[in-house]
C-alpha atoms as a PDB file:
ATOM      1  CA  MET A   1     -46.994  18.798  -8.707  1.00  0.00           C
ATOM      2  CA  SER A   2     -47.003  19.820  -5.124  1.00  0.00           C
ATOM      3  CA  ILE A   3     -44.915  18.129  -2.337  1.00  0.00           C
ATOM      4  CA  SER A   4     -48.073  16.840  -0.545  1.00  0.00           C
ATOM      5  CA  HIS A   5     -49.290  15.132  -3.792  1.00  0.00           C
ATOM      6  CA  ARG A   6     -45.665  13.501  -4.228  1.00  0.00           C
ATOM      7  CA  ILE A   7     -45.917  12.344  -0.618  1.00  0.00           C
ATOM      8  CA  GLY A   8     -49.315  10.904  -0.921  1.00  0.00           C
ATOM      9  CA  ASP A   9     -48.398   9.029  -4.133  1.00  0.00           C
ATOM     10  CA  PHE A  10     -45.277   7.794  -2.451  1.00  0.00           C
ATOM     11  CA  LEU A  11     -47.210   6.520   0.504  1.00  0.00           C
ATOM     12  CA  LEU A  12     -49.835   4.817  -1.700  1.00  0.00           C
ATOM     13  CA  SER A  13     -47.104   3.317  -3.886  1.00  0.00           C
ATOM     14  CA  GLU A  14     -45.311   1.911  -0.884  1.00  0.00           C
ATOM     15  CA  TRP A  15     -48.578   0.401   0.514  1.00  0.00           C
ATOM     16  CA  LEU A  16     -49.316  -1.251  -2.887  1.00  0.00           C
ATOM     17  CA  TRP A  17     -45.627  -2.425  -3.000  1.00  0.00           C
ATOM     18  CA  ALA A  18     -45.964  -4.104   0.490  1.00  0.00           C
ATOM     19  CA  PHE A  19     -48.897  -6.045  -0.517  1.00  0.00           C
ATOM     20  CA  THR A  20     -47.757  -7.076  -4.086  1.00  0.00           C
ATOM     21  CA  PHE A  21     -44.049  -7.522  -4.603  1.00  0.00           C
ATOM     22  CA  ASP A  22     -42.724  -7.205  -1.146  1.00  0.00           C
ATOM     23  CA  TRP A  23     -45.318  -9.283   0.771  1.00  0.00           C
ATOM     24  CA  SER A  24     -42.563 -11.419   2.367  1.00  0.00           C
ATOM     25  CA  HIS A  25     -41.051  -8.402   4.113  1.00  0.00           C
ATOM     26  CA  ILE A  26     -43.444  -8.464   7.079  1.00  0.00           C
ATOM     27  CA  PHE A  27     -42.837 -12.156   7.645  1.00  0.00           C
ATOM     28  CA  LEU A  28     -39.026 -12.076   7.326  1.00  0.00           C
ATOM     29  CA  SER A  29     -38.714  -9.004   9.580  1.00  0.00           C
ATOM     30  CA  THR A  30     -40.936 -10.718  12.188  1.00  0.00           C
ATOM     31  CA  GLY A  31     -38.784 -13.793  12.224  1.00  0.00           C
ATOM     32  CA  ILE A  32     -35.536 -11.771  12.370  1.00  0.00           C
ATOM     33  CA  MET A  33     -36.938  -9.608  15.186  1.00  0.00           C
ATOM     34  CA  PHE A  34     -38.061 -12.627  17.074  1.00  0.00           C
ATOM     35  CA  MET A  35     -34.516 -14.179  16.802  1.00  0.00           C
ATOM     36  CA  CYS A  36     -32.852 -11.038  17.758  1.00  0.00           C
ATOM     37  CA  LEU A  37     -35.137 -10.506  20.829  1.00  0.00           C
ATOM     38  CA  ARG A  38     -34.517 -14.179  21.900  1.00  0.00           C
ATOM     39  CA  LEU A  39     -30.746 -13.755  21.476  1.00  0.00           C
ATOM     40  CA  PHE A  40     -30.019 -10.458  22.890  1.00  0.00           C
ATOM     41  CA  SER A  41     -32.623  -9.903  25.461  1.00  0.00           C
ATOM     42  CA  SER A  42     -33.432 -11.738  28.689  1.00  0.00           C
ATOM     43  CA  GLY A  43     -37.172 -12.183  27.700  1.00  0.00           C
ATOM     44  CA  SER A  44     -38.964 -15.313  27.443  1.00  0.00           C
ATOM     45  CA  PHE A  45     -40.267 -17.048  24.331  1.00  0.00           C
ATOM     46  CA  LEU A  46     -43.707 -15.596  24.807  1.00  0.00           C
ATOM     47  CA  ARG A  47     -42.648 -12.060  25.340  1.00  0.00           C
ATOM     48  CA  ALA A  48     -40.306 -12.117  22.374  1.00  0.00           C
ATOM     49  CA  SER A  49     -42.985 -13.587  20.143  1.00  0.00           C
ATOM     50  CA  LEU A  50     -45.622 -11.195  21.399  1.00  0.00           C
ATOM     51  CA  LEU A  51     -43.326  -8.065  20.914  1.00  0.00           C
ATOM     52  CA  ALA A  52     -42.308  -9.112  17.489  1.00  0.00           C
ATOM     53  CA  VAL A  53     -45.667 -10.181  16.092  1.00  0.00           C
ATOM     54  CA  GLY A  54     -47.419  -7.247  18.031  1.00  0.00           C
ATOM     55  CA  SER A  55     -45.112  -4.613  16.529  1.00  0.00           C
ATOM     56  CA  HIS A  56     -45.363  -5.907  13.069  1.00  0.00           C
ATOM     57  CA  LEU A  57     -49.186  -6.260  13.284  1.00  0.00           C
ATOM     58  CA  PHE A  58     -49.479  -2.681  14.603  1.00  0.00           C
ATOM     59  CA  ALA A  59     -47.186  -1.271  11.869  1.00  0.00           C
ATOM     60  CA  LEU A  60     -49.190  -3.083   9.144  1.00  0.00           C
ATOM     61  CA  ALA A  61     -52.483  -2.081  10.632  1.00  0.00           C
ATOM     62  CA  ALA A  62     -51.518   1.494  11.253  1.00  0.00           C
ATOM     63  CA  PHE A  63     -49.946   2.028   7.729  1.00  0.00           C
ATOM     64  CA  SER A  64     -52.977   0.281   6.216  1.00  0.00           C
ATOM     65  CA  GLY A  65     -55.359   2.333   8.186  1.00  0.00           C
ATOM     66  CA  PHE A  66     -53.765   5.594   7.348  1.00  0.00           C
ATOM     67  CA  VAL A  67     -53.551   4.751   3.650  1.00  0.00           C
ATOM     68  CA  ILE A  68     -56.980   3.148   3.331  1.00  0.00           C
ATOM     69  CA  GLY A  69     -58.949   5.201   6.031  1.00  0.00           C
ATOM     70  CA  VAL A  70     -57.282   8.667   5.728  1.00  0.00           C
ATOM     71  CA  MET A  71     -55.859   8.922   2.222  1.00  0.00           C
ATOM     72  CA  ILE A  72     -58.394   6.828   0.150  1.00  0.00           C
ATOM     73  CA  ASN A  73     -61.575   7.167   1.975  1.00  0.00           C
ATOM     74  CA  MET A  74     -61.366  10.654   3.646  1.00  0.00           C
ATOM     75  CA  LEU A  75     -59.161  12.497   1.144  1.00  0.00           C
ATOM     76  CA  GLN A  76     -60.354  10.569  -1.933  1.00  0.00           C
ATOM     77  CA  TRP A  77     -56.834  10.106  -3.029  1.00  0.00           C
ATOM     78  CA  GLU A  78     -56.227   8.457  -6.363  1.00  0.00           C
ATOM     79  CA  TYR A  79     -52.968   7.018  -7.634  1.00  0.00           C
ATOM     80  CA  THR A  80     -51.296   9.046 -10.350  1.00  0.00           C
ATOM     81  CA  GLN A  81     -48.595   7.231 -12.214  1.00  0.00           C
ATOM     82  CA  THR A  82     -45.559   9.536 -12.590  1.00  0.00           C
ATOM     83  CA  ILE A  83     -43.284   7.031 -14.178  1.00  0.00           C
ATOM     84  CA  ILE A  84     -44.215   6.117 -17.813  1.00  0.00           C
ATOM     85  CA  SER A  85     -42.089   3.050 -18.022  1.00  0.00           C
ATOM     86  CA  ALA A  86     -42.876  -0.025 -16.097  1.00  0.00           C
ATOM     87  CA  ASN A  87     -39.435  -1.300 -16.156  1.00  0.00           C
ATOM     88  CA  LEU A  88     -37.892  -1.894 -12.736  1.00  0.00           C
ATOM     89  CA  THR A  89     -34.229  -1.434 -12.176  1.00  0.00           C
ATOM     90  CA  ALA A  90     -32.334  -3.009  -9.209  1.00  0.00           C
ATOM     91  CA  THR A  91     -31.850   0.368  -7.620  1.00  0.00           C
ATOM     92  CA  GLN A  92     -35.576   1.151  -7.720  1.00  0.00           C
ATOM     93  CA  VAL A  93     -36.469  -2.239  -6.180  1.00  0.00           C
ATOM     94  CA  MET A  94     -33.913  -1.893  -3.449  1.00  0.00           C
ATOM     95  CA  MET A  95     -35.075   1.775  -2.549  1.00  0.00           C
ATOM     96  CA  ALA A  96     -38.705   0.717  -2.526  1.00  0.00           C
ATOM     97  CA  ASN A  97     -37.784  -2.204  -0.042  1.00  0.00           C
ATOM     98  CA  LEU A  98     -35.678   0.260   2.158  1.00  0.00           C
ATOM     99  CA  TRP A  99     -38.493   2.812   2.292  1.00  0.00           C
ATOM    100  CA  LEU A 100     -41.080   0.246   3.204  1.00  0.00           C
ATOM    101  CA  GLY A 101     -38.683  -0.958   5.995  1.00  0.00           C
ATOM    102  CA  ALA A 102     -38.363   2.806   7.122  1.00  0.00           C
ATOM    103  CA  ILE A 103     -42.239   3.210   7.192  1.00  0.00           C
ATOM    104  CA  PHE A 104     -42.533   0.111   9.140  1.00  0.00           C
ATOM    105  CA  LEU A 105     -39.681   1.164  11.540  1.00  0.00           C
ATOM    106  CA  PHE A 106     -41.561   4.403  12.093  1.00  0.00           C
ATOM    107  CA  PHE A 107     -44.792   2.662  13.103  1.00  0.00           C
ATOM    108  CA  GLN A 108     -42.858   0.054  15.216  1.00  0.00           C
ATOM    109  CA  THR A 109     -41.118   2.776  17.054  1.00  0.00           C
ATOM    110  CA  PHE A 110     -44.407   4.487  17.823  1.00  0.00           C
ATOM    111  CA  PHE A 111     -45.667   1.160  19.181  1.00  0.00           C
ATOM    112  CA  PHE A 112     -42.688   0.804  21.399  1.00  0.00           C
ATOM    113  CA  PHE A 113     -43.278   4.437  22.667  1.00  0.00           C
ATOM    114  CA  VAL A 114     -46.713   3.497  23.664  1.00  0.00           C
ATOM    115  CA  LEU A 115     -45.360   0.308  25.437  1.00  0.00           C
ATOM    116  CA  GLN A 116     -42.713   2.511  27.209  1.00  0.00           C
ATOM    117  CA  LEU A 117     -45.519   4.588  28.669  1.00  0.00           C
ATOM    118  CA  PHE A 118     -46.886   1.501  30.332  1.00  0.00           C
ATOM    119  CA  GLY A 119     -43.313   0.503  31.545  1.00  0.00           C
ATOM    120  CA  ILE A 120     -43.226  -2.628  29.467  1.00  0.00           C
ATOM    121  CA  VAL A 121     -40.165  -1.880  27.226  1.00  0.00           C
ATOM    122  CA  ARG A 122     -37.496   0.741  26.706  1.00  0.00           C
ATOM    123  CA  VAL A 123     -37.531   2.321  23.247  1.00  0.00           C
ATOM    124  CA  LEU A 124     -33.961   2.601  22.361  1.00  0.00           C
ATOM    125  CA  PRO A 125     -32.966  -1.074  22.458  1.00  0.00           C
ATOM    126  CA  PHE A 126     -36.192  -2.102  20.663  1.00  0.00           C
ATOM    127  CA  PHE A 127     -35.716   0.578  17.994  1.00  0.00           C
ATOM    128  CA  PHE A 128     -32.227  -0.888  17.152  1.00  0.00           C
ATOM    129  CA  VAL A 129     -33.774  -4.350  16.941  1.00  0.00           C
ATOM    130  CA  ALA A 130     -36.523  -3.173  14.663  1.00  0.00           C
ATOM    131  CA  LEU A 131     -33.960  -1.289  12.569  1.00  0.00           C
ATOM    132  CA  ILE A 132     -31.755  -4.353  12.211  1.00  0.00           C
ATOM    133  CA  SER A 133     -34.761  -6.582  11.350  1.00  0.00           C
ATOM    134  CA  ASN A 134     -36.241  -4.278   8.858  1.00  0.00           C
ATOM    135  CA  GLY A 135     -32.987  -3.627   7.160  1.00  0.00           C
ATOM    136  CA  ILE A 136     -32.082  -7.327   6.870  1.00  0.00           C
ATOM    137  CA  ALA A 137     -35.686  -8.162   5.682  1.00  0.00           C
ATOM    138  CA  ALA A 138     -35.365  -5.521   3.019  1.00  0.00           C
ATOM    139  CA  VAL A 139     -32.144  -6.775   1.563  1.00  0.00           C
ATOM    140  CA  VAL A 140     -33.358 -10.478   1.800  1.00  0.00           C
ATOM    141  CA  SER A 141     -36.674  -9.780   0.080  1.00  0.00           C
ATOM    142  CA  TYR A 142     -34.905  -7.602  -2.523  1.00  0.00           C
ATOM    143  CA  GLY A 143     -32.968 -10.727  -3.514  1.00  0.00           C
ATOM    144  CA  GLY A 144     -36.103 -12.748  -3.794  1.00  0.00           C
ATOM    145  CA  ILE A 145     -37.854 -10.080  -5.673  1.00  0.00           C
ATOM    146  CA  TRP A 146     -35.129  -9.478  -8.199  1.00  0.00           C
ATOM    147  CA  MET A 147     -34.687 -13.165  -8.849  1.00  0.00           C
ATOM    148  CA  THR A 148     -38.503 -13.446  -9.534  1.00  0.00           C
ATOM    149  CA  VAL A 149     -38.705 -10.314 -11.656  1.00  0.00           C
ATOM    150  CA  GLY A 150     -35.498 -11.424 -13.466  1.00  0.00           C
ATOM    151  CA  TYR A 151     -36.917 -14.627 -14.480  1.00  0.00           C
ATOM    152  CA  LEU A 152     -40.247 -13.160 -15.627  1.00  0.00           C
ATOM    153  CA  PHE A 153     -38.826 -10.590 -17.965  1.00  0.00           C
END
């Protein structure tokens, strides 16, 4: 299996993970980012809410657009299951959450770079706020997922 095939399966798996088990990550991260922006920056309520919601919507739209538009429609990508067992361990769930947070962080950083071109924000402080919010959201949603999966199986 080539490295490009593994990366494609990984991105498709993370996209599926974002919309199935870890659907709460985007809401938790948005709320945490909003609170961090309100506490640590001198911005207004409207600016903090627009930056938090805008960066998360951009990350979700860019990630979905890449997976659906490029990988599935243009490249005709199909998911190939590489793991035979469907059993999830705590480490696998946590790693999936952290990787999803890293993917959202990548797209949010790109969003902040675009805003920096227009002189609206500086990237570095918002990168750290996005890092903190995605990290905390990954850990909190991990606890909720693991409690739900633990009760189901």
